């Protein structure tokens, strides 16, 4: 969903619903199938800066990064993102970024792509590894987690460069 800067009234633009475009963005970023994406987003323009606030929740089905069992992952949280026009920071001195400078995104051609906003929110907010033991994740369809069951090795093959360590025993 594309929203042009001139479509945002002074009191803000309430996104009517997070539809298929949001589910597609979440599925792409989290490498799974978004079964549900809900929430409310409000866009407010301050000059050429756009602030996106609200709340968003998603339920995604995807393989565990550790054992490849099918997971259902529930992620949710408050959204507070800031966007400025691409190229508006040109000419500024390059150096270390501080605080709020790290939380700025960019939009182009006077319009913001809300699919990119939703994708960015989940890309930044999701754990680096989505595995069976991550809060909000549960194994789908009553399967058991191969990585969490004692004595069961993950389905991922061992890197042959570490074969020499296979017999290593460590004292507790």
N, C-alpha and C. Protein backbone atom coordinates (compact mmCIF):
# COMPACT_ATOMS: atom_id res chain seq x y z
N UNK A 1 0.85 -1.17 0.00
CA UNK A 1 0.00 0.00 0.00
C UNK A 1 0.90 1.24 0.00
N UNK A 2 0.69 2.08 -0.97
CA UNK A 2 1.47 3.30 -1.12
C UNK A 2 0.63 4.48 -0.63
N UNK A 3 1.23 5.32 0.21
CA UNK A 3 0.56 6.54 0.68
C UNK A 3 1.45 7.72 0.31
N UNK A 4 0.89 8.66 -0.44
CA UNK A 4 1.62 9.87 -0.82
C UNK A 4 1.55 10.89 0.32
N UNK A 5 2.59 11.66 0.44
CA UNK A 5 2.69 12.67 1.50
C UNK A 5 1.47 13.60 1.49
N UNK A 6 1.00 13.96 0.29
CA UNK A 6 -0.15 14.87 0.22
C UNK A 6 -1.48 14.20 0.58
N UNK A 7 -1.49 12.89 0.79
CA UNK A 7 -2.70 12.18 1.23
C UNK A 7 -2.81 12.13 2.75
N UNK A 8 -1.79 12.62 3.44
CA UNK A 8 -1.79 12.56 4.90
C UNK A 8 -2.32 13.89 5.43
N UNK A 9 -3.55 13.90 5.99
CA UNK A 9 -4.10 15.14 6.52
C UNK A 9 -3.35 15.60 7.78
N UNK A 10 -3.61 16.80 8.19
CA UNK A 10 -2.91 17.39 9.34
C UNK A 10 -3.06 16.53 10.60
N UNK A 11 -4.20 15.92 10.79
CA UNK A 11 -4.45 15.10 11.98
C UNK A 11 -3.94 13.66 11.81
N UNK A 12 -3.43 13.34 10.65
CA UNK A 12 -2.87 12.02 10.41
C UNK A 12 -3.74 11.16 9.51
N UNK A 13 -3.14 10.08 9.04
CA UNK A 13 -3.82 9.12 8.15
C UNK A 13 -3.87 7.78 8.85
N UNK A 14 -5.07 7.32 9.17
CA UNK A 14 -5.25 6.01 9.80
C UNK A 14 -5.31 4.96 8.70
N UNK A 15 -4.41 4.00 8.73
CA UNK A 15 -4.40 2.94 7.72
C UNK A 15 -5.66 2.10 7.94
N UNK A 16 -6.51 1.97 6.90
CA UNK A 16 -7.81 1.32 7.08
C UNK A 16 -7.71 -0.13 7.55
N UNK A 17 -6.80 -0.89 7.00
CA UNK A 17 -6.61 -2.28 7.45
C UNK A 17 -5.28 -2.79 6.94
N UNK A 18 -4.75 -3.74 7.68
CA UNK A 18 -3.52 -4.39 7.25
C UNK A 18 -3.96 -5.64 6.49
N UNK A 19 -3.95 -5.56 5.19
CA UNK A 19 -4.48 -6.63 4.35
C UNK A 19 -3.42 -7.56 3.82
N UNK A 20 -3.69 -8.06 2.61
CA UNK A 20 -2.78 -9.02 1.96
C UNK A 20 -1.40 -8.42 1.75
N UNK A 21 -1.32 -7.12 1.51
CA UNK A 21 -0.02 -6.47 1.31
C UNK A 21 0.84 -6.60 2.56
N UNK A 22 0.24 -6.49 3.74
CA UNK A 22 1.00 -6.61 4.99
C UNK A 22 1.41 -8.06 5.23
N UNK A 23 0.51 -9.00 4.96
CA UNK A 23 0.84 -10.41 5.12
C UNK A 23 1.97 -10.82 4.18
N UNK A 24 1.96 -10.31 2.96
CA UNK A 24 3.03 -10.62 2.01
C UNK A 24 4.36 -10.07 2.50
N UNK A 25 4.35 -8.85 3.06
CA UNK A 25 5.59 -8.24 3.56
C UNK A 25 6.14 -9.02 4.75
N UNK A 26 5.28 -9.42 5.68
CA UNK A 26 5.72 -10.18 6.85
C UNK A 26 6.25 -11.55 6.42
N UNK A 27 5.54 -12.21 5.53
CA UNK A 27 5.98 -13.52 5.04
C UNK A 27 7.33 -13.46 4.36
N UNK A 28 7.56 -12.42 3.58
CA UNK A 28 8.84 -12.26 2.89
C UNK A 28 9.97 -12.03 3.88
N UNK A 29 9.78 -11.13 4.82
CA UNK A 29 10.83 -10.79 5.78
C UNK A 29 11.14 -11.95 6.73
N UNK A 30 10.11 -12.65 7.18
CA UNK A 30 10.31 -13.74 8.14
C UNK A 30 10.45 -15.11 7.48
N UNK A 31 10.48 -15.12 6.16
CA UNK A 31 10.69 -16.34 5.39
C UNK A 31 9.71 -17.44 5.76
N UNK A 32 8.43 -17.08 5.76
CA UNK A 32 7.38 -18.03 6.08
C UNK A 32 6.07 -17.59 5.49
N UNK A 33 4.98 -18.15 6.00
CA UNK A 33 3.64 -17.79 5.55
C UNK A 33 2.94 -17.05 6.68
N UNK A 34 2.57 -15.80 6.45
CA UNK A 34 1.86 -15.02 7.46
C UNK A 34 0.40 -15.44 7.44
N UNK A 35 -0.03 -16.11 8.51
CA UNK A 35 -1.41 -16.56 8.61
C UNK A 35 -2.35 -15.42 9.01
N UNK A 36 -1.81 -14.47 9.78
CA UNK A 36 -2.62 -13.34 10.22
C UNK A 36 -1.71 -12.16 10.52
N UNK A 37 -2.15 -10.97 10.09
CA UNK A 37 -1.47 -9.72 10.44
C UNK A 37 -2.57 -8.72 10.81
N UNK A 38 -2.52 -8.25 12.06
CA UNK A 38 -3.51 -7.30 12.56
C UNK A 38 -2.80 -6.09 13.11
N UNK A 39 -3.54 -5.03 13.27
CA UNK A 39 -2.97 -3.87 13.94
C UNK A 39 -3.59 -2.58 13.45
N UNK A 40 -3.06 -1.51 14.00
CA UNK A 40 -3.48 -0.17 13.62
C UNK A 40 -2.24 0.67 13.41
N UNK A 41 -2.20 1.35 12.30
CA UNK A 41 -1.08 2.25 12.02
C UNK A 41 -1.62 3.64 11.73
N UNK A 42 -0.95 4.64 12.29
CA UNK A 42 -1.29 6.03 12.06
C UNK A 42 -0.07 6.73 11.47
N UNK A 43 -0.26 7.41 10.35
CA UNK A 43 0.81 8.19 9.72
C UNK A 43 0.55 9.66 9.98
N UNK A 44 1.57 10.35 10.50
CA UNK A 44 1.47 11.78 10.73
C UNK A 44 2.67 12.43 10.05
N UNK A 45 2.39 13.49 9.26
CA UNK A 45 3.46 14.20 8.56
C UNK A 45 3.82 15.46 9.33
N UNK A 46 5.11 15.65 9.52
CA UNK A 46 5.66 16.87 10.12
C UNK A 46 6.60 17.46 9.08
N UNK A 47 6.10 18.33 8.25
CA UNK A 47 6.90 18.81 7.13
C UNK A 47 7.10 17.66 6.17
N UNK A 48 8.37 17.32 5.89
CA UNK A 48 8.62 16.18 5.01
C UNK A 48 8.95 14.89 5.78
N UNK A 49 8.89 14.96 7.12
CA UNK A 49 9.10 13.76 7.93
C UNK A 49 7.76 13.07 8.16
N UNK A 50 7.77 11.74 8.09
CA UNK A 50 6.57 10.96 8.36
C UNK A 50 6.84 10.09 9.57
N UNK A 51 5.94 10.16 10.53
CA UNK A 51 6.05 9.30 11.72
C UNK A 51 4.94 8.27 11.64
N UNK A 52 5.32 6.99 11.81
CA UNK A 52 4.37 5.89 11.78
C UNK A 52 4.29 5.32 13.19
N UNK A 53 3.10 5.36 13.79
CA UNK A 53 2.91 4.82 15.13
C UNK A 53 1.73 3.85 15.12
N UNK A 54 1.64 3.07 16.16
CA UNK A 54 0.54 2.14 16.30
C UNK A 54 0.95 0.85 16.94
N UNK A 55 0.24 -0.19 16.58
CA UNK A 55 0.44 -1.52 17.14
C UNK A 55 0.28 -2.53 16.01
N UNK A 56 1.09 -3.59 16.01
CA UNK A 56 0.97 -4.60 14.97
C UNK A 56 1.27 -5.97 15.55
N UNK A 57 0.56 -6.97 15.08
CA UNK A 57 0.75 -8.35 15.52
C UNK A 57 0.66 -9.26 14.30
N UNK A 58 1.46 -10.32 14.32
CA UNK A 58 1.45 -11.27 13.20
C UNK A 58 1.61 -12.69 13.73
N UNK A 59 0.99 -13.61 13.02
CA UNK A 59 1.17 -15.04 13.26
C UNK A 59 1.75 -15.61 11.97
N UNK A 60 2.94 -16.21 12.08
CA UNK A 60 3.65 -16.70 10.91
C UNK A 60 3.98 -18.18 11.10
N UNK A 61 3.78 -18.95 10.05
CA UNK A 61 4.18 -20.36 10.04
C UNK A 61 5.45 -20.47 9.22
N UNK A 62 6.47 -21.09 9.82
CA UNK A 62 7.76 -21.22 9.15
C UNK A 62 8.57 -22.31 9.83
N UNK A 63 9.63 -22.79 9.18
CA UNK A 63 10.46 -23.83 9.81
C UNK A 63 11.35 -23.25 10.92
N UNK A 64 11.59 -24.05 11.93
CA UNK A 64 12.52 -23.69 12.99
C UNK A 64 13.91 -23.56 12.38
N UNK A 65 14.64 -22.52 12.78
CA UNK A 65 16.00 -22.31 12.26
C UNK A 65 16.97 -23.36 12.78
N UNK A 66 16.60 -24.07 13.85
CA UNK A 66 17.51 -25.04 14.45
C UNK A 66 17.23 -26.48 13.99
N UNK A 67 15.95 -26.87 14.04
CA UNK A 67 15.66 -28.28 13.76
C UNK A 67 14.73 -28.49 12.56
N UNK A 68 14.24 -27.41 11.95
CA UNK A 68 13.41 -27.43 10.75
C UNK A 68 11.99 -27.95 10.98
N UNK A 69 11.59 -28.18 12.23
CA UNK A 69 10.20 -28.55 12.50
C UNK A 69 9.32 -27.33 12.22
N UNK A 70 8.07 -27.57 11.85
CA UNK A 70 7.15 -26.50 11.49
C UNK A 70 6.74 -25.73 12.75
N UNK A 71 6.95 -24.40 12.75
CA UNK A 71 6.63 -23.54 13.89
C UNK A 71 5.50 -22.59 13.55
N UNK A 72 4.78 -22.19 14.59
CA UNK A 72 3.87 -21.06 14.51
C UNK A 72 4.45 -20.01 15.44
N UNK A 73 4.78 -18.86 14.87
CA UNK A 73 5.44 -17.79 15.63
C UNK A 73 4.50 -16.61 15.73
N UNK A 74 4.28 -16.12 16.96
CA UNK A 74 3.45 -14.95 17.20
C UNK A 74 4.35 -13.80 17.64
N UNK A 75 4.32 -12.73 16.88
CA UNK A 75 5.11 -11.54 17.20
C UNK A 75 4.18 -10.34 17.24
N UNK A 76 4.43 -9.43 18.19
CA UNK A 76 3.59 -8.25 18.30
C UNK A 76 4.33 -7.15 19.02
N UNK A 77 3.84 -5.94 18.85
CA UNK A 77 4.44 -4.83 19.57
C UNK A 77 4.00 -3.48 19.06
N UNK A 78 4.48 -2.47 19.75
CA UNK A 78 4.18 -1.09 19.39
C UNK A 78 5.11 -0.63 18.28
N UNK A 79 4.57 0.16 17.38
CA UNK A 79 5.33 0.70 16.24
C UNK A 79 5.58 2.18 16.49
N UNK A 80 6.80 2.62 16.29
CA UNK A 80 7.15 4.04 16.33
C UNK A 80 8.36 4.23 15.42
N UNK A 81 8.09 4.51 14.15
CA UNK A 81 9.13 4.62 13.14
C UNK A 81 9.07 6.00 12.49
N UNK A 82 10.23 6.50 12.10
CA UNK A 82 10.33 7.83 11.47
C UNK A 82 10.95 7.69 10.08
N UNK A 83 10.41 8.43 9.13
CA UNK A 83 10.90 8.39 7.75
C UNK A 83 11.11 9.81 7.23
N UNK A 84 12.18 9.96 6.46
CA UNK A 84 12.49 11.23 5.81
C UNK A 84 12.73 10.94 4.32
N UNK A 85 12.66 11.96 3.48
CA UNK A 85 12.90 11.72 2.04
C UNK A 85 14.30 11.18 1.79
N UNK A 86 14.40 10.23 0.87
CA UNK A 86 15.71 9.71 0.46
C UNK A 86 16.52 10.87 -0.11
N UNK A 87 17.77 10.94 0.25
CA UNK A 87 18.64 11.99 -0.23
C UNK A 87 18.60 13.24 0.63
N UNK A 88 17.71 13.30 1.61
CA UNK A 88 17.62 14.51 2.43
C UNK A 88 18.79 14.65 3.39
N UNK A 89 19.55 13.60 3.55
CA UNK A 89 20.71 13.65 4.46
C UNK A 89 22.02 13.80 3.70
N UNK A 90 21.93 13.96 2.37
CA UNK A 90 23.15 14.14 1.58
C UNK A 90 23.86 15.40 1.99
N UNK A 91 25.16 15.35 1.96
CA UNK A 91 25.95 16.51 2.30
C UNK A 91 26.25 16.62 3.78
N UNK A 92 25.54 15.83 4.60
CA UNK A 92 25.85 15.83 6.02
C UNK A 92 27.14 15.07 6.24
N UNK A 93 27.86 15.46 7.24
CA UNK A 93 29.13 14.82 7.55
C UNK A 93 28.89 13.37 7.97
N UNK A 94 29.67 12.46 7.40
CA UNK A 94 29.58 11.05 7.78
C UNK A 94 30.30 10.85 9.09
N UNK A 95 29.77 10.03 9.91
CA UNK A 95 30.40 9.75 11.20
C UNK A 95 29.52 8.79 11.97
N UNK A 96 29.77 8.70 13.22
CA UNK A 96 29.00 7.80 14.07
C UNK A 96 27.56 8.30 14.17
N UNK A 97 26.65 7.36 14.16
CA UNK A 97 25.24 7.69 14.34
C UNK A 97 24.89 7.55 15.82
N UNK A 98 24.00 8.38 16.30
CA UNK A 98 23.65 8.37 17.71
C UNK A 98 22.14 8.32 17.88
N UNK A 99 21.71 7.63 18.91
CA UNK A 99 20.32 7.62 19.36
C UNK A 99 19.28 7.57 18.28
N UNK A 100 18.51 8.64 18.17
CA UNK A 100 17.37 8.67 17.26
C UNK A 100 17.78 8.59 15.79
N UNK A 101 19.02 8.90 15.45
CA UNK A 101 19.48 8.81 14.06
C UNK A 101 19.45 7.37 13.56
N UNK A 102 19.52 6.42 14.48
CA UNK A 102 19.51 5.01 14.09
C UNK A 102 18.11 4.54 13.72
N UNK A 103 17.11 5.31 14.07
CA UNK A 103 15.73 4.88 13.87
C UNK A 103 15.05 5.62 12.73
N UNK A 104 15.81 6.13 11.80
CA UNK A 104 15.24 6.86 10.67
C UNK A 104 15.28 5.98 9.43
N UNK A 105 14.13 5.92 8.74
CA UNK A 105 14.05 5.24 7.46
C UNK A 105 13.85 6.28 6.37
N UNK A 106 13.81 5.81 5.15
CA UNK A 106 13.71 6.73 4.03
C UNK A 106 12.55 6.36 3.11
N UNK A 107 11.94 7.38 2.51
CA UNK A 107 10.93 7.16 1.48
C UNK A 107 11.34 7.95 0.25
N UNK A 108 10.78 7.59 -0.90
CA UNK A 108 11.18 8.23 -2.16
C UNK A 108 9.97 8.72 -2.93
N UNK A 109 10.18 9.69 -3.77
CA UNK A 109 9.18 10.21 -4.70
C UNK A 109 7.92 10.70 -3.99
N UNK A 110 8.06 11.21 -2.77
CA UNK A 110 6.93 11.78 -2.05
C UNK A 110 5.92 10.77 -1.57
N UNK A 111 6.30 9.50 -1.52
CA UNK A 111 5.35 8.46 -1.10
C UNK A 111 6.06 7.43 -0.23
N UNK A 112 5.32 6.87 0.71
CA UNK A 112 5.86 5.84 1.58
C UNK A 112 5.14 4.52 1.30
N UNK A 113 5.91 3.46 1.18
CA UNK A 113 5.38 2.13 0.91
C UNK A 113 5.16 1.44 2.26
N UNK A 114 3.90 1.27 2.65
CA UNK A 114 3.59 0.69 3.96
C UNK A 114 3.99 -0.78 4.07
N UNK A 115 4.08 -1.48 2.96
CA UNK A 115 4.58 -2.86 3.00
C UNK A 115 6.03 -2.86 3.47
N UNK A 116 6.80 -1.89 3.02
CA UNK A 116 8.20 -1.76 3.48
C UNK A 116 8.26 -1.41 4.96
N UNK A 117 7.34 -0.56 5.41
CA UNK A 117 7.30 -0.19 6.83
C UNK A 117 7.01 -1.41 7.69
N UNK A 118 6.00 -2.18 7.33
CA UNK A 118 5.64 -3.38 8.09
C UNK A 118 6.80 -4.38 8.05
N UNK A 119 7.38 -4.58 6.87
CA UNK A 119 8.52 -5.49 6.76
C UNK A 119 9.69 -5.04 7.61
N UNK A 120 9.98 -3.74 7.60
CA UNK A 120 11.08 -3.21 8.40
C UNK A 120 10.82 -3.42 9.89
N UNK A 121 9.58 -3.20 10.32
CA UNK A 121 9.25 -3.38 11.73
C UNK A 121 9.56 -4.81 12.18
N UNK A 122 9.13 -5.79 11.40
CA UNK A 122 9.37 -7.18 11.79
C UNK A 122 10.82 -7.60 11.59
N UNK A 123 11.47 -7.06 10.59
CA UNK A 123 12.89 -7.38 10.39
C UNK A 123 13.72 -6.89 11.58
N UNK A 124 13.39 -5.72 12.09
CA UNK A 124 14.14 -5.17 13.21
C UNK A 124 13.72 -5.75 14.55
N UNK A 125 12.45 -6.15 14.67
CA UNK A 125 11.93 -6.60 15.96
C UNK A 125 11.96 -8.09 16.22
N UNK A 126 12.10 -8.88 15.18
CA UNK A 126 12.09 -10.34 15.36
C UNK A 126 13.46 -10.82 15.85
N UNK A 127 13.46 -11.91 16.60
CA UNK A 127 14.76 -12.48 17.01
C UNK A 127 15.59 -12.86 15.79
N UNK A 128 16.91 -12.85 15.95
CA UNK A 128 17.80 -13.20 14.84
C UNK A 128 17.57 -14.63 14.38
N UNK A 129 17.29 -15.52 15.32
CA UNK A 129 16.97 -16.92 15.01
C UNK A 129 15.59 -17.23 15.51
N UNK A 130 14.71 -17.69 14.64
CA UNK A 130 13.38 -18.10 15.05
C UNK A 130 13.42 -19.61 15.25
N UNK A 131 13.49 -20.01 16.51
CA UNK A 131 13.63 -21.42 16.86
C UNK A 131 12.54 -21.81 17.85
N UNK A 132 12.47 -23.08 18.16
CA UNK A 132 11.43 -23.64 19.02
C UNK A 132 11.38 -23.00 20.40
N UNK A 133 12.52 -22.54 20.90
CA UNK A 133 12.57 -22.01 22.26
C UNK A 133 12.43 -20.49 22.33
N UNK A 134 12.10 -19.83 21.24
CA UNK A 134 11.92 -18.38 21.22
C UNK A 134 10.54 -18.05 21.79
N UNK A 135 10.45 -17.05 22.69
CA UNK A 135 9.13 -16.65 23.19
C UNK A 135 8.18 -16.30 22.04
N UNK A 136 6.96 -16.81 22.12
CA UNK A 136 5.99 -16.57 21.07
C UNK A 136 5.96 -17.64 20.00
N UNK A 137 6.90 -18.60 20.07
CA UNK A 137 6.94 -19.68 19.07
C UNK A 137 6.42 -20.97 19.70
N UNK A 138 5.67 -21.71 18.92
CA UNK A 138 5.23 -23.03 19.36
C UNK A 138 5.30 -23.98 18.18
N UNK A 139 5.53 -25.22 18.49
CA UNK A 139 5.61 -26.22 17.43
C UNK A 139 4.20 -26.46 16.90
N UNK A 140 4.05 -26.45 15.59
CA UNK A 140 2.75 -26.60 14.95
C UNK A 140 2.29 -28.06 14.95
N UNK A 141 0.99 -28.24 14.94
CA UNK A 141 0.36 -29.54 14.74
C UNK A 141 0.83 -30.62 15.71
N UNK A 142 1.21 -30.26 16.91
CA UNK A 142 1.57 -31.25 17.92
C UNK A 142 2.88 -31.98 17.67
N UNK A 143 3.66 -31.52 16.70
CA UNK A 143 4.96 -32.14 16.47
C UNK A 143 5.85 -31.88 17.68
N UNK A 144 6.89 -32.67 17.82
CA UNK A 144 7.84 -32.39 18.89
C UNK A 144 9.07 -31.73 18.30
N UNK A 145 9.69 -30.89 19.09
CA UNK A 145 10.87 -30.16 18.63
C UNK A 145 12.08 -31.07 18.69
N UNK A 146 12.70 -31.29 17.57
CA UNK A 146 13.87 -32.15 17.52
C UNK A 146 15.05 -31.59 18.28
N UNK A 147 15.19 -30.28 18.36
CA UNK A 147 16.34 -29.68 19.03
C UNK A 147 16.17 -29.62 20.54
N UNK A 148 14.93 -29.65 21.03
CA UNK A 148 14.71 -29.53 22.46
C UNK A 148 14.58 -30.87 23.17
N UNK A 149 14.32 -31.93 22.42
CA UNK A 149 14.22 -33.25 23.04
C UNK A 149 15.61 -33.77 23.36
N UNK A 150 15.79 -34.22 24.58
CA UNK A 150 17.09 -34.71 25.00
C UNK A 150 17.46 -35.95 24.21
N UNK A 151 18.68 -35.99 23.75
CA UNK A 151 19.18 -37.16 23.04
C UNK A 151 18.85 -37.17 21.56
N UNK A 152 18.17 -36.17 21.06
CA UNK A 152 17.83 -36.11 19.64
C UNK A 152 18.64 -35.00 19.01
N UNK A 153 19.35 -35.33 17.96
CA UNK A 153 20.17 -34.33 17.28
C UNK A 153 19.33 -33.58 16.27
N UNK A 154 19.72 -32.36 16.02
CA UNK A 154 19.04 -31.55 15.01
C UNK A 154 19.20 -32.21 13.64
N UNK A 155 18.29 -31.92 12.73
CA UNK A 155 18.31 -32.52 11.41
C UNK A 155 19.40 -31.96 10.51
N UNK A 156 20.01 -30.87 10.91
CA UNK A 156 21.04 -30.24 10.12
C UNK A 156 22.33 -31.06 10.21
N UNK A 157 22.95 -31.40 9.10
CA UNK A 157 24.18 -32.19 9.16
C UNK A 157 25.32 -31.41 9.80
N UNK A 158 26.23 -32.14 10.44
CA UNK A 158 27.38 -31.53 11.09
C UNK A 158 28.40 -31.15 10.02
N UNK A 159 28.95 -29.96 10.16
CA UNK A 159 29.97 -29.48 9.25
C UNK A 159 31.18 -30.42 9.33
N UNK A 160 31.65 -30.99 8.22
CA UNK A 160 32.76 -31.95 8.25
C UNK A 160 34.05 -31.37 8.83
N UNK A 161 34.19 -30.06 8.84
CA UNK A 161 35.39 -29.46 9.41
C UNK A 161 35.45 -29.65 10.93
N UNK A 162 34.30 -29.95 11.54
CA UNK A 162 34.26 -30.16 12.98
C UNK A 162 34.22 -31.64 13.36
N UNK A 163 34.39 -32.54 12.41
CA UNK A 163 34.33 -33.98 12.66
C UNK A 163 35.35 -34.42 13.71
N UNK A 164 36.50 -33.77 13.77
CA UNK A 164 37.53 -34.14 14.74
C UNK A 164 37.06 -33.89 16.17
N UNK A 165 36.08 -33.05 16.35
CA UNK A 165 35.58 -32.74 17.70
C UNK A 165 34.43 -33.66 18.14
N UNK A 166 34.01 -34.57 17.27
CA UNK A 166 32.85 -35.41 17.56
C UNK A 166 33.00 -36.23 18.85
N UNK A 167 34.17 -36.71 19.14
CA UNK A 167 34.37 -37.54 20.33
C UNK A 167 34.78 -36.77 21.56
N UNK A 168 34.83 -35.46 21.49
CA UNK A 168 35.27 -34.64 22.61
C UNK A 168 34.26 -34.71 23.76
N UNK A 169 34.74 -35.00 24.96
CA UNK A 169 33.88 -35.04 26.15
C UNK A 169 34.34 -33.93 27.08
N UNK A 170 33.40 -33.15 27.57
CA UNK A 170 33.71 -32.04 28.48
C UNK A 170 33.21 -32.39 29.88
N UNK A 171 33.99 -32.04 30.90
CA UNK A 171 33.56 -32.24 32.27
C UNK A 171 32.58 -31.14 32.63
N UNK A 172 31.60 -31.47 33.48
CA UNK A 172 30.62 -30.47 33.90
C UNK A 172 31.19 -29.47 34.81
